PDB file of all heavy atoms in Angstrom:
ATOM      1  N   SER A   1     153.495 172.743 140.340  1.00  0.00           N
ATOM      2  CA  SER A   1     153.327 174.150 140.697  1.00  0.00           C
ATOM      3  C   SER A   1     152.047 174.320 141.516  1.00  0.00           C
ATOM      4  O   SER A   1     151.877 175.300 142.215  1.00  0.00           O
ATOM      5  CB  SER A   1     153.262 175.018 139.440  1.00  0.00           C
ATOM      6  OG  SER A   1     152.328 174.485 138.539  1.00  0.00           O
ATOM      7  N   ALA A   2     151.149 173.346 141.404  1.00  0.00           N
ATOM      8  CA  ALA A   2     149.907 173.403 142.176  1.00  0.00           C
ATOM      9  C   ALA A   2     150.132 172.726 143.521  1.00  0.00           C
ATOM     10  O   ALA A   2     149.589 171.674 143.808  1.00  0.00           O
ATOM     11  CB  ALA A   2     148.786 172.711 141.403  1.00  0.00           C
ATOM     12  N   SER A   3     150.958 173.376 144.357  1.00  0.00           N
ATOM     13  CA  SER A   3     151.387 172.725 145.592  1.00  0.00           C
ATOM     14  C   SER A   3     150.424 172.972 146.750  1.00  0.00           C
ATOM     15  O   SER A   3     150.808 173.391 147.827  1.00  0.00           O
ATOM     16  CB  SER A   3     152.792 173.196 145.967  1.00  0.00           C
ATOM     17  OG  SER A   3     152.820 174.597 146.078  1.00  0.00           O
ATOM     18  N   ASP A   4     149.119 172.750 146.491  1.00  0.00           N
ATOM     19  CA  ASP A   4     148.162 172.900 147.581  1.00  0.00           C
ATOM     20  C   ASP A   4     148.071 171.589 148.361  1.00  0.00           C
ATOM     21  O   ASP A   4     148.536 170.543 147.918  1.00  0.00           O
ATOM     22  CB  ASP A   4     146.783 173.295 147.028  1.00  0.00           C
ATOM     23  CG  ASP A   4     146.265 172.268 146.038  1.00  0.00           C
ATOM     24  OD1 ASP A   4     145.685 171.268 146.485  1.00  0.00           O
ATOM     25  OD2 ASP A   4     146.467 172.459 144.818  1.00  0.00           O
ATOM     26  N   ASN A   5     147.440 171.656 149.513  1.00  0.00           N
ATOM     27  CA  ASN A   5     147.388 170.491 150.398  1.00  0.00           C
ATOM     28  C   ASN A   5     146.713 169.288 149.763  1.00  0.00           C
ATOM     29  O   ASN A   5     147.115 168.142 149.982  1.00  0.00           O
ATOM     30  CB  ASN A   5     146.668 170.850 151.712  1.00  0.00           C
ATOM     31  CG  ASN A   5     147.519 171.770 152.569  1.00  0.00           C
ATOM     32  OD1 ASN A   5     148.730 171.831 152.391  1.00  0.00           O
ATOM     33  ND2 ASN A   5     146.888 172.486 153.479  1.00  0.00           N
ATOM     34  N   MET A   6     145.656 169.526 148.956  1.00  0.00           N
ATOM     35  CA  MET A   6     144.936 168.398 148.363  1.00  0.00           C
ATOM     36  C   MET A   6     145.835 167.609 147.410  1.00  0.00           C
ATOM     37  O   MET A   6     145.823 166.384 147.404  1.00  0.00           O
ATOM     38  CB  MET A   6     143.690 168.909 147.610  1.00  0.00           C
ATOM     39  CG  MET A   6     142.806 167.783 147.088  1.00  0.00           C
ATOM     40  SD  MET A   6     142.354 166.586 148.385  1.00  0.00           S
ATOM     41  CE  MET A   6     141.269 167.599 149.381  1.00  0.00           C
ATOM     42  N   ASN A   7     146.640 168.319 146.615  1.00  0.00           N
ATOM     43  CA  ASN A   7     147.559 167.621 145.708  1.00  0.00           C
ATOM     44  C   ASN A   7     148.592 166.819 146.481  1.00  0.00           C
ATOM     45  O   ASN A   7     148.961 165.715 146.079  1.00  0.00           O
ATOM     46  CB  ASN A   7     148.270 168.623 144.784  1.00  0.00           C
ATOM     47  CG  ASN A   7     147.428 168.967 143.572  1.00  0.00           C
ATOM     48  OD1 ASN A   7     146.549 168.209 143.187  1.00  0.00           O
ATOM     49  ND2 ASN A   7     147.684 170.120 142.990  1.00  0.00           N
ATOM     50  N   ILE A   8     149.088 167.377 147.566  1.00  0.00           N
ATOM     51  CA  ILE A   8     150.093 166.685 148.375  1.00  0.00           C
ATOM     52  C   ILE A   8     149.499 165.409 148.968  1.00  0.00           C
ATOM     53  O   ILE A   8     150.089 164.333 148.907  1.00  0.00           O
ATOM     54  CB  ILE A   8     150.623 167.608 149.494  1.00  0.00           C
ATOM     55  CG1 ILE A   8     151.395 168.777 148.871  1.00  0.00           C
ATOM     56  CG2 ILE A   8     151.514 166.830 150.460  1.00  0.00           C
ATOM     57  CD1 ILE A   8     151.779 169.873 149.839  1.00  0.00           C
ATOM     58  N   VAL A   9     148.280 165.518 149.518  1.00  0.00           N
ATOM     59  CA  VAL A   9     147.609 164.341 150.099  1.00  0.00           C
ATOM     60  C   VAL A   9     147.369 163.290 149.025  1.00  0.00           C
ATOM     61  O   VAL A   9     147.620 162.098 149.222  1.00  0.00           O
ATOM     62  CB  VAL A   9     146.262 164.758 150.760  1.00  0.00           C
ATOM     63  CG1 VAL A   9     145.450 163.532 151.149  1.00  0.00           C
ATOM     64  CG2 VAL A   9     146.531 165.618 151.984  1.00  0.00           C
ATOM     65  N   MET A  10     146.883 163.732 147.853  1.00  0.00           N
ATOM     66  CA  MET A  10     146.585 162.790 146.771  1.00  0.00           C
ATOM     67  C   MET A  10     147.861 162.103 146.293  1.00  0.00           C
ATOM     68  O   MET A  10     147.885 160.900 146.028  1.00  0.00           O
ATOM     69  CB  MET A  10     145.917 163.526 145.610  1.00  0.00           C
ATOM     70  CG  MET A  10     145.295 162.588 144.596  1.00  0.00           C
ATOM     71  SD  MET A  10     144.178 163.484 143.501  1.00  0.00           S
ATOM     72  CE  MET A  10     143.832 162.201 142.301  1.00  0.00           C
ATOM     73  N   ALA A  11     148.954 162.885 146.190  1.00  0.00           N
ATOM     74  CA  ALA A  11     150.237 162.322 145.755  1.00  0.00           C
ATOM     75  C   ALA A  11     150.693 161.220 146.700  1.00  0.00           C
ATOM     76  O   ALA A  11     151.146 160.151 146.274  1.00  0.00           O
ATOM     77  CB  ALA A  11     151.295 163.419 145.668  1.00  0.00           C
ATOM     78  N   MET A  12     150.553 161.460 147.998  1.00  0.00           N
ATOM     79  CA  MET A  12     150.949 160.449 148.987  1.00  0.00           C
ATOM     80  C   MET A  12     150.048 159.222 148.908  1.00  0.00           C
ATOM     81  O   MET A  12     150.503 158.084 148.994  1.00  0.00           O
ATOM     82  CB  MET A  12     150.897 161.026 150.409  1.00  0.00           C
ATOM     83  CG  MET A  12     151.823 162.215 150.645  1.00  0.00           C
ATOM     84  SD  MET A  12     153.551 161.888 150.233  1.00  0.00           S
ATOM     85  CE  MET A  12     153.798 163.045 148.897  1.00  0.00           C
ATOM     86  N   ASN A  13     148.745 159.457 148.705  1.00  0.00           N
ATOM     87  CA  ASN A  13     147.804 158.341 148.614  1.00  0.00           C
ATOM     88  C   ASN A  13     148.034 157.483 147.375  1.00  0.00           C
ATOM     89  O   ASN A  13     147.695 156.306 147.356  1.00  0.00           O
ATOM     90  CB  ASN A  13     146.350 158.853 148.618  1.00  0.00           C
ATOM     91  CG  ASN A  13     145.923 159.366 149.975  1.00  0.00           C
ATOM     92  OD1 ASN A  13     146.537 159.031 150.986  1.00  0.00           O
ATOM     93  ND2 ASN A  13     144.891 160.188 150.017  1.00  0.00           N
ATOM     94  N   MET A  14     148.586 158.088 146.334  1.00  0.00           N
ATOM     95  CA  MET A  14     148.856 157.360 145.094  1.00  0.00           C
ATOM     96  C   MET A  14     150.169 156.583 145.161  1.00  0.00           C
ATOM     97  O   MET A  14     150.579 155.969 144.183  1.00  0.00           O
ATOM     98  CB  MET A  14     148.922 158.345 143.912  1.00  0.00           C
ATOM     99  CG  MET A  14     147.587 158.926 143.539  1.00  0.00           C
ATOM    100  SD  MET A  14     146.575 157.742 142.656  1.00  0.00           S
ATOM    101  CE  MET A  14     145.128 158.727 142.323  1.00  0.00           C
ATOM    102  N   GLY A  15     150.865 156.675 146.293  1.00  0.00           N
ATOM    103  CA  GLY A  15     152.112 155.925 146.419  1.00  0.00           C
ATOM    104  C   GLY A  15     153.349 156.788 146.333  1.00  0.00           C
ATOM    105  O   GLY A  15     154.463 156.277 146.266  1.00  0.00           O
ATOM    106  N   GLY A  16     153.160 158.121 146.307  1.00  0.00           N
ATOM    107  CA  GLY A  16     154.306 159.023 146.279  1.00  0.00           C
ATOM    108  C   GLY A  16     155.005 159.078 147.628  1.00  0.00           C
ATOM    109  O   GLY A  16     154.404 158.815 148.667  1.00  0.00           O
ATOM    110  N   ASP A  17     156.293 159.413 147.615  1.00  0.00           N
ATOM    111  CA  ASP A  17     157.085 159.479 148.848  1.00  0.00           C
ATOM    112  C   ASP A  17     157.307 160.902 149.325  1.00  0.00           C
ATOM    113  O   ASP A  17     157.578 161.125 150.499  1.00  0.00           O
ATOM    114  CB  ASP A  17     158.449 158.797 148.627  1.00  0.00           C
ATOM    115  CG  ASP A  17     158.298 157.307 148.409  1.00  0.00           C
ATOM    116  OD1 ASP A  17     158.085 156.882 147.263  1.00  0.00           O
ATOM    117  OD2 ASP A  17     158.373 156.567 149.393  1.00  0.00           O
ATOM    118  N   ASP A  18     157.212 161.863 148.396  1.00  0.00           N
ATOM    119  CA  ASP A  18     157.419 163.261 148.789  1.00  0.00           C
ATOM    120  C   ASP A  18     156.897 164.153 147.676  1.00  0.00           C
ATOM    121  O   ASP A  18     156.460 163.673 146.614  1.00  0.00           O
ATOM    122  CB  ASP A  18     158.910 163.536 149.056  1.00  0.00           C
ATOM    123  CG  ASP A  18     159.106 164.641 150.105  1.00  0.00           C
ATOM    124  OD1 ASP A  18     158.197 165.475 150.270  1.00  0.00           O
ATOM    125  OD2 ASP A  18     160.183 164.665 150.726  1.00  0.00           O
ATOM    126  N   PHE A  19     156.979 165.463 147.899  1.00  0.00           N
ATOM    127  CA  PHE A  19     156.386 166.450 146.997  1.00  0.00           C
ATOM    128  C   PHE A  19     157.296 167.662 146.969  1.00  0.00           C
ATOM    129  O   PHE A  19     157.664 168.189 148.019  1.00  0.00           O
ATOM    130  CB  PHE A  19     154.997 166.823 147.557  1.00  0.00           C
ATOM    131  CG  PHE A  19     154.097 167.491 146.572  1.00  0.00           C
ATOM    132  CD1 PHE A  19     153.088 166.776 145.946  1.00  0.00           C
ATOM    133  CD2 PHE A  19     154.228 168.844 146.286  1.00  0.00           C
ATOM    134  CE1 PHE A  19     152.225 167.392 145.045  1.00  0.00           C
ATOM    135  CE2 PHE A  19     153.385 169.463 145.383  1.00  0.00           C
ATOM    136  CZ  PHE A  19     152.376 168.735 144.769  1.00  0.00           C
ATOM    137  N   ILE A  20     157.695 168.106 145.785  1.00  0.00           N
ATOM    138  CA  ILE A  20     158.531 169.303 145.648  1.00  0.00           C
ATOM    139  C   ILE A  20     157.755 170.338 144.832  1.00  0.00           C
ATOM    140  O   ILE A  20     157.366 170.070 143.691  1.00  0.00           O
ATOM    141  CB  ILE A  20     159.874 168.987 144.952  1.00  0.00           C
ATOM    142  CG1 ILE A  20     160.682 167.976 145.777  1.00  0.00           C
ATOM    143  CG2 ILE A  20     160.680 170.274 144.740  1.00  0.00           C
ATOM    144  CD1 ILE A  20     161.970 167.520 145.102  1.00  0.00           C
ATOM    145  N   PRO A  21     157.502 171.531 145.421  1.00  0.00           N
ATOM    146  CA  PRO A  21     156.753 172.556 144.680  1.00  0.00           C
ATOM    147  C   PRO A  21     157.608 173.212 143.595  1.00  0.00           C
ATOM    148  O   PRO A  21     158.822 173.282 143.703  1.00  0.00           O
ATOM    149  CB  PRO A  21     156.369 173.561 145.760  1.00  0.00           C
ATOM    150  CG  PRO A  21     157.409 173.394 146.825  1.00  0.00           C
ATOM    151  CD  PRO A  21     157.844 171.966 146.791  1.00  0.00           C
ATOM    152  N   LYS A  22     156.934 173.665 142.530  1.00  0.00           N
ATOM    153  CA  LYS A  22     157.589 174.456 141.483  1.00  0.00           C
ATOM    154  C   LYS A  22     157.318 175.929 141.771  1.00  0.00           C
ATOM    155  O   LYS A  22     156.264 176.263 142.304  1.00  0.00           O
ATOM    156  CB  LYS A  22     157.026 174.091 140.112  1.00  0.00           C
ATOM    157  CG  LYS A  22     157.403 172.714 139.609  1.00  0.00           C
ATOM    158  CD  LYS A  22     156.806 172.547 138.222  1.00  0.00           C
ATOM    159  CE  LYS A  22     157.130 171.210 137.610  1.00  0.00           C
ATOM    160  NZ  LYS A  22     156.501 171.062 136.295  1.00  0.00           N
ATOM    161  N   PRO A  23     158.217 176.833 141.357  1.00  0.00           N
ATOM    162  CA  PRO A  23     159.512 176.550 140.718  1.00  0.00           C
ATOM    163  C   PRO A  23     160.447 175.817 141.671  1.00  0.00           C
ATOM    164  O   PRO A  23     160.485 176.123 142.860  1.00  0.00           O
ATOM    165  CB  PRO A  23     160.048 177.938 140.358  1.00  0.00           C
ATOM    166  CG  PRO A  23     159.332 178.872 141.290  1.00  0.00           C
ATOM    167  CD  PRO A  23     157.985 178.280 141.548  1.00  0.00           C
ATOM    168  N   VAL A  24     161.149 174.838 141.122  1.00  0.00           N
ATOM    169  CA  VAL A  24     161.984 173.970 141.951  1.00  0.00           C
ATOM    170  C   VAL A  24     163.216 174.718 142.447  1.00  0.00           C
ATOM    171  O   VAL A  24     163.978 175.274 141.648  1.00  0.00           O
ATOM    172  CB  VAL A  24     162.402 172.710 141.166  1.00  0.00           C
ATOM    173  CG1 VAL A  24     163.381 171.871 141.967  1.00  0.00           C
ATOM    174  CG2 VAL A  24     161.172 171.881 140.807  1.00  0.00           C
ATOM    175  N   ASP A  25     163.393 174.727 143.762  1.00  0.00           N
ATOM    176  CA  ASP A  25     164.611 175.260 144.373  1.00  0.00           C
ATOM    177  C   ASP A  25     165.619 174.104 144.379  1.00  0.00           C
ATOM    178  O   ASP A  25     165.359 173.047 144.964  1.00  0.00           O
ATOM    179  CB  ASP A  25     164.300 175.724 145.794  1.00  0.00           C
ATOM    180  CG  ASP A  25     165.525 176.287 146.511  1.00  0.00           C
ATOM    181  OD1 ASP A  25     166.586 175.625 146.482  1.00  0.00           O
ATOM    182  OD2 ASP A  25     165.414 177.367 147.116  1.00  0.00           O
ATOM    183  N   LEU A  26     166.765 174.293 143.729  1.00  0.00           N
ATOM    184  CA  LEU A  26     167.727 173.196 143.590  1.00  0.00           C
ATOM    185  C   LEU A  26     168.272 172.712 144.928  1.00  0.00           C
ATOM    186  O   LEU A  26     168.628 171.539 145.076  1.00  0.00           O
ATOM    187  CB  LEU A  26     168.872 173.605 142.657  1.00  0.00           C
ATOM    188  CG  LEU A  26     168.474 173.816 141.191  1.00  0.00           C
ATOM    189  CD1 LEU A  26     169.684 174.197 140.356  1.00  0.00           C
ATOM    190  CD2 LEU A  26     167.795 172.586 140.606  1.00  0.00           C
ATOM    191  N   ASN A  27     168.341 173.608 145.920  1.00  0.00           N
ATOM    192  CA  ASN A  27     168.776 173.175 147.255  1.00  0.00           C
ATOM    193  C   ASN A  27     167.739 172.268 147.915  1.00  0.00           C
ATOM    194  O   ASN A  27     168.078 171.277 148.565  1.00  0.00           O
ATOM    195  CB  ASN A  27     169.046 174.392 148.150  1.00  0.00           C
ATOM    196  CG  ASN A  27     170.272 175.174 147.692  1.00  0.00           C
ATOM    197  OD1 ASN A  27     171.247 174.576 147.239  1.00  0.00           O
ATOM    198  ND2 ASN A  27     170.207 176.485 147.777  1.00  0.00           N
ATOM    199  N   VAL A  28     166.457 172.618 147.719  1.00  0.00           N
ATOM    200  CA  VAL A  28     165.370 171.781 148.251  1.00  0.00           C
ATOM    201  C   VAL A  28     165.368 170.432 147.525  1.00  0.00           C
ATOM    202  O   VAL A  28     165.225 169.371 148.149  1.00  0.00           O
ATOM    203  CB  VAL A  28     164.000 172.484 148.092  1.00  0.00           C
ATOM    204  CG1 VAL A  28     162.855 171.541 148.452  1.00  0.00           C
ATOM    205  CG2 VAL A  28     163.952 173.743 148.951  1.00  0.00           C
ATOM    206  N   LEU A  29     165.527 170.481 146.205  1.00  0.00           N
ATOM    207  CA  LEU A  29     165.595 169.250 145.399  1.00  0.00           C
ATOM    208  C   LEU A  29     166.700 168.329 145.920  1.00  0.00           C
ATOM    209  O   LEU A  29     166.471 167.139 146.168  1.00  0.00           O
ATOM    210  CB  LEU A  29     165.861 169.602 143.933  1.00  0.00           C
ATOM    211  CG  LEU A  29     166.129 168.422 142.986  1.00  0.00           C
ATOM    212  CD1 LEU A  29     164.844 167.704 142.636  1.00  0.00           C
ATOM    213  CD2 LEU A  29     166.816 168.895 141.697  1.00  0.00           C
ATOM    214  N   THR A  30     167.884 168.888 146.113  1.00  0.00           N
ATOM    215  CA  THR A  30     169.033 168.113 146.591  1.00  0.00           C
ATOM    216  C   THR A  30     168.743 167.485 147.955  1.00  0.00           C
ATOM    217  O   THR A  30     168.946 166.282 148.152  1.00  0.00           O
ATOM    218  CB  THR A  30     170.287 169.007 146.694  1.00  0.00           C
ATOM    219  OG1 THR A  30     170.579 169.546 145.408  1.00  0.00           O
ATOM    220  CG2 THR A  30     171.483 168.209 147.178  1.00  0.00           C
ATOM    221  N   ALA A  31     168.236 168.295 148.876  1.00  0.00           N
ATOM    222  CA  ALA A  31     167.973 167.814 150.238  1.00  0.00           C
ATOM    223  C   ALA A  31     166.923 166.712 150.247  1.00  0.00           C
ATOM    224  O   ALA A  31     167.095 165.678 150.909  1.00  0.00           O
ATOM    225  CB  ALA A  31     167.533 168.972 151.123  1.00  0.00           C
ATOM    226  N   LYS A  32     165.839 166.906 149.490  1.00  0.00           N
ATOM    227  CA  LYS A  32     164.737 165.926 149.504  1.00  0.00           C
ATOM    228  C   LYS A  32     165.148 164.623 148.828  1.00  0.00           C
ATOM    229  O   LYS A  32     164.817 163.531 149.304  1.00  0.00           O
ATOM    230  CB  LYS A  32     163.492 166.515 148.838  1.00  0.00           C
ATOM    231  CG  LYS A  32     162.844 167.616 149.652  1.00  0.00           C
ATOM    232  CD  LYS A  32     161.343 167.645 149.454  1.00  0.00           C
ATOM    233  CE  LYS A  32     160.678 168.620 150.416  1.00  0.00           C
ATOM    234  NZ  LYS A  32     159.246 168.358 150.582  1.00  0.00           N
ATOM    235  N   LEU A  33     165.864 164.722 147.713  1.00  0.00           N
ATOM    236  CA  LEU A  33     166.303 163.509 147.023  1.00  0.00           C
ATOM    237  C   LEU A  33     167.277 162.709 147.883  1.00  0.00           C
ATOM    238  O   LEU A  33     167.155 161.491 148.004  1.00  0.00           O
ATOM    239  CB  LEU A  33     166.960 163.854 145.678  1.00  0.00           C
ATOM    240  CG  LEU A  33     166.062 163.643 144.454  1.00  0.00           C
ATOM    241  CD1 LEU A  33     164.873 164.587 144.500  1.00  0.00           C
ATOM    242  CD2 LEU A  33     166.844 163.834 143.168  1.00  0.00           C
ATOM    243  N   GLN A  34     168.233 163.388 148.470  1.00  0.00           N
ATOM    244  CA  GLN A  34     169.217 162.688 149.287  1.00  0.00           C
ATOM    245  C   GLN A  34     168.565 162.033 150.503  1.00  0.00           C
ATOM    246  O   GLN A  34     168.909 160.910 150.883  1.00  0.00           O
ATOM    247  CB  GLN A  34     170.344 163.645 149.696  1.00  0.00           C
ATOM    248  CG  GLN A  34     171.219 164.042 148.515  1.00  0.00           C
ATOM    249  CD  GLN A  34     172.403 164.891 148.916  1.00  0.00           C
ATOM    250  OE1 GLN A  34     172.434 165.466 149.999  1.00  0.00           O
ATOM    251  NE2 GLN A  34     173.392 164.984 148.044  1.00  0.00           N
ATOM    252  N   ALA A  35     167.601 162.727 151.107  1.00  0.00           N
ATOM    253  CA  ALA A  35     166.902 162.164 152.269  1.00  0.00           C
ATOM    254  C   ALA A  35     166.104 160.925 151.866  1.00  0.00           C
ATOM    255  O   ALA A  35     166.131 159.897 152.557  1.00  0.00           O
ATOM    256  CB  ALA A  35     165.979 163.206 152.887  1.00  0.00           C
ATOM    257  N   ALA A  36     165.404 161.008 150.738  1.00  0.00           N
ATOM    258  CA  ALA A  36     164.589 159.877 150.291  1.00  0.00           C
ATOM    259  C   ALA A  36     165.466 158.690 149.895  1.00  0.00           C
ATOM    260  O   ALA A  36     165.125 157.530 150.168  1.00  0.00           O
ATOM    261  CB  ALA A  36     163.709 160.299 149.108  1.00  0.00           C
ATOM    262  N   LEU A  37     166.605 158.959 149.253  1.00  0.00           N
ATOM    263  CA  LEU A  37     167.525 157.876 148.868  1.00  0.00           C
ATOM    264  C   LEU A  37     168.115 157.203 150.104  1.00  0.00           C
ATOM    265  O   LEU A  37     168.257 155.980 150.150  1.00  0.00           O
ATOM    266  CB  LEU A  37     168.642 158.418 147.968  1.00  0.00           C
ATOM    267  CG  LEU A  37     168.221 158.768 146.539  1.00  0.00           C
ATOM    268  CD1 LEU A  37     169.295 159.591 145.845  1.00  0.00           C
ATOM    269  CD2 LEU A  37     167.924 157.502 145.729  1.00  0.00           C
ATOM    270  N   ARG A  38     168.453 158.009 151.115  1.00  0.00           N
ATOM    271  CA  ARG A  38     168.986 157.429 152.360  1.00  0.00           C
ATOM    272  C   ARG A  38     167.955 156.529 153.021  1.00  0.00           C
ATOM    273  O   ARG A  38     168.254 155.424 153.460  1.00  0.00           O
ATOM    274  CB  ARG A  38     169.411 158.543 153.334  1.00  0.00           C
ATOM    275  CG  ARG A  38     170.837 159.035 153.121  1.00  0.00           C
ATOM    276  CD  ARG A  38     171.315 159.822 154.335  1.00  0.00           C
ATOM    277  NE  ARG A  38     170.474 160.964 154.634  1.00  0.00           N
ATOM    278  CZ  ARG A  38     170.603 162.168 154.067  1.00  0.00           C
ATOM    279  NH1 ARG A  38     171.561 162.366 153.172  1.00  0.00           N
ATOM    280  NH2 ARG A  38     169.798 163.158 154.390  1.00  0.00           N
ATOM    281  N   ARG A  39     166.710 157.019 153.084  1.00  0.00           N
ATOM    282  CA  ARG A  39     165.642 156.224 153.714  1.00  0.00           C
ATOM    283  C   ARG A  39     165.450 154.905 152.977  1.00  0.00           C
ATOM    284  O   ARG A  39     165.240 153.864 153.589  1.00  0.00           O
ATOM    285  CB  ARG A  39     164.311 157.002 153.690  1.00  0.00           C
ATOM    286  CG  ARG A  39     164.210 158.100 154.713  1.00  0.00           C
ATOM    287  CD  ARG A  39     162.759 158.551 154.898  1.00  0.00           C
ATOM    288  NE  ARG A  39     162.160 159.038 153.663  1.00  0.00           N
ATOM    289  CZ  ARG A  39     162.207 160.304 153.260  1.00  0.00           C
ATOM    290  NH1 ARG A  39     162.862 161.210 153.975  1.00  0.00           N
ATOM    291  NH2 ARG A  39     161.614 160.671 152.149  1.00  0.00           N
ATOM    292  N   ALA A  40     165.522 154.961 151.655  1.00  0.00           N
ATOM    293  CA  ALA A  40     165.215 153.762 150.862  1.00  0.00           C
ATOM    294  C   ALA A  40     166.370 152.776 150.794  1.00  0.00           C
ATOM    295  O   ALA A  40     166.151 151.566 150.768  1.00  0.00           O
ATOM    296  CB  ALA A  40     164.811 154.182 149.446  1.00  0.00           C
ATOM    297  N   TYR A  41     167.611 153.276 150.773  1.00  0.00           N
ATOM    298  CA  TYR A  41     168.724 152.390 150.432  1.00  0.00           C
ATOM    299  C   TYR A  41     169.798 152.219 151.490  1.00  0.00           C
ATOM    300  O   TYR A  41     170.580 151.289 151.414  1.00  0.00           O
ATOM    301  CB  TYR A  41     169.358 152.845 149.116  1.00  0.00           C
ATOM    302  CG  TYR A  41     168.351 152.839 147.996  1.00  0.00           C
ATOM    303  CD1 TYR A  41     167.910 154.019 147.421  1.00  0.00           C
ATOM    304  CD2 TYR A  41     167.810 151.641 147.546  1.00  0.00           C
ATOM    305  CE1 TYR A  41     166.955 154.017 146.414  1.00  0.00           C
ATOM    306  CE2 TYR A  41     166.864 151.626 146.542  1.00  0.00           C
ATOM    307  CZ  TYR A  41     166.432 152.810 145.972  1.00  0.00           C
ATOM    308  OH  TYR A  41     165.491 152.784 144.992  1.00  0.00           O
ATOM    309  N   ASP A  42     169.842 153.075 152.487  1.00  0.00           N
ATOM    310  CA  ASP A  42     170.846 152.878 153.534  1.00  0.00           C
ATOM    311  C   ASP A  42     170.540 151.636 154.355  1.00  0.00           C
ATOM    312  O   ASP A  42     171.424 151.006 154.898  1.00  0.00           O
ATOM    313  CB  ASP A  42     170.916 154.104 154.464  1.00  0.00           C
ATOM    314  CG  ASP A  42     171.782 155.199 153.862  1.00  0.00           C
ATOM    315  OD1 ASP A  42     172.226 155.009 152.718  1.00  0.00           O
ATOM    316  OD2 ASP A  42     172.013 156.214 154.519  1.00  0.00           O
ATOM    317  N   MET A  43     169.260 151.274 154.443  1.00  0.00           N
ATOM    318  CA  MET A  43     168.866 150.128 155.238  1.00  0.00           C
ATOM    319  C   MET A  43     168.624 148.923 154.342  1.00  0.00           C
ATOM    320  O   MET A  43     167.507 148.480 154.146  1.00  0.00           O
ATOM    321  CB  MET A  43     167.584 150.448 156.029  1.00  0.00           C
ATOM    322  CG  MET A  43     167.717 151.655 156.929  1.00  0.00           C
ATOM    323  SD  MET A  43     169.002 151.459 158.177  1.00  0.00           S
ATOM    324  CE  MET A  43     168.260 150.202 159.196  1.00  0.00           C
ATOM    325  N   GLY A  44     169.661 148.409 153.736  1.00  0.00           N
ATOM    326  CA  GLY A  44     169.502 147.141 153.026  1.00  0.00           C
ATOM    327  C   GLY A  44     169.524 147.220 151.521  1.00  0.00           C
ATOM    328  O   GLY A  44     169.283 146.232 150.849  1.00  0.00           O
ATOM    329  N   GLY A  45     169.789 148.385 150.964  1.00  0.00           N
ATOM    330  CA  GLY A  45     170.024 148.444 149.526  1.00  0.00           C
ATOM    331  C   GLY A  45     168.772 148.457 148.674  1.00  0.00           C
ATOM    332  O   GLY A  45     167.681 148.763 149.104  1.00  0.00           O
TER     333      GLY A  45
END
């Protein structure tokens, strides 16, 4: 829920791939998860 820029930068620096703010919008959740899964697994499993 603390979706400020510093948290986003820190999350990425810690090895995170993306950031979803709360309250979670289920459409945003769906889009971000599917995009991240495609990036990770469409190219070689």
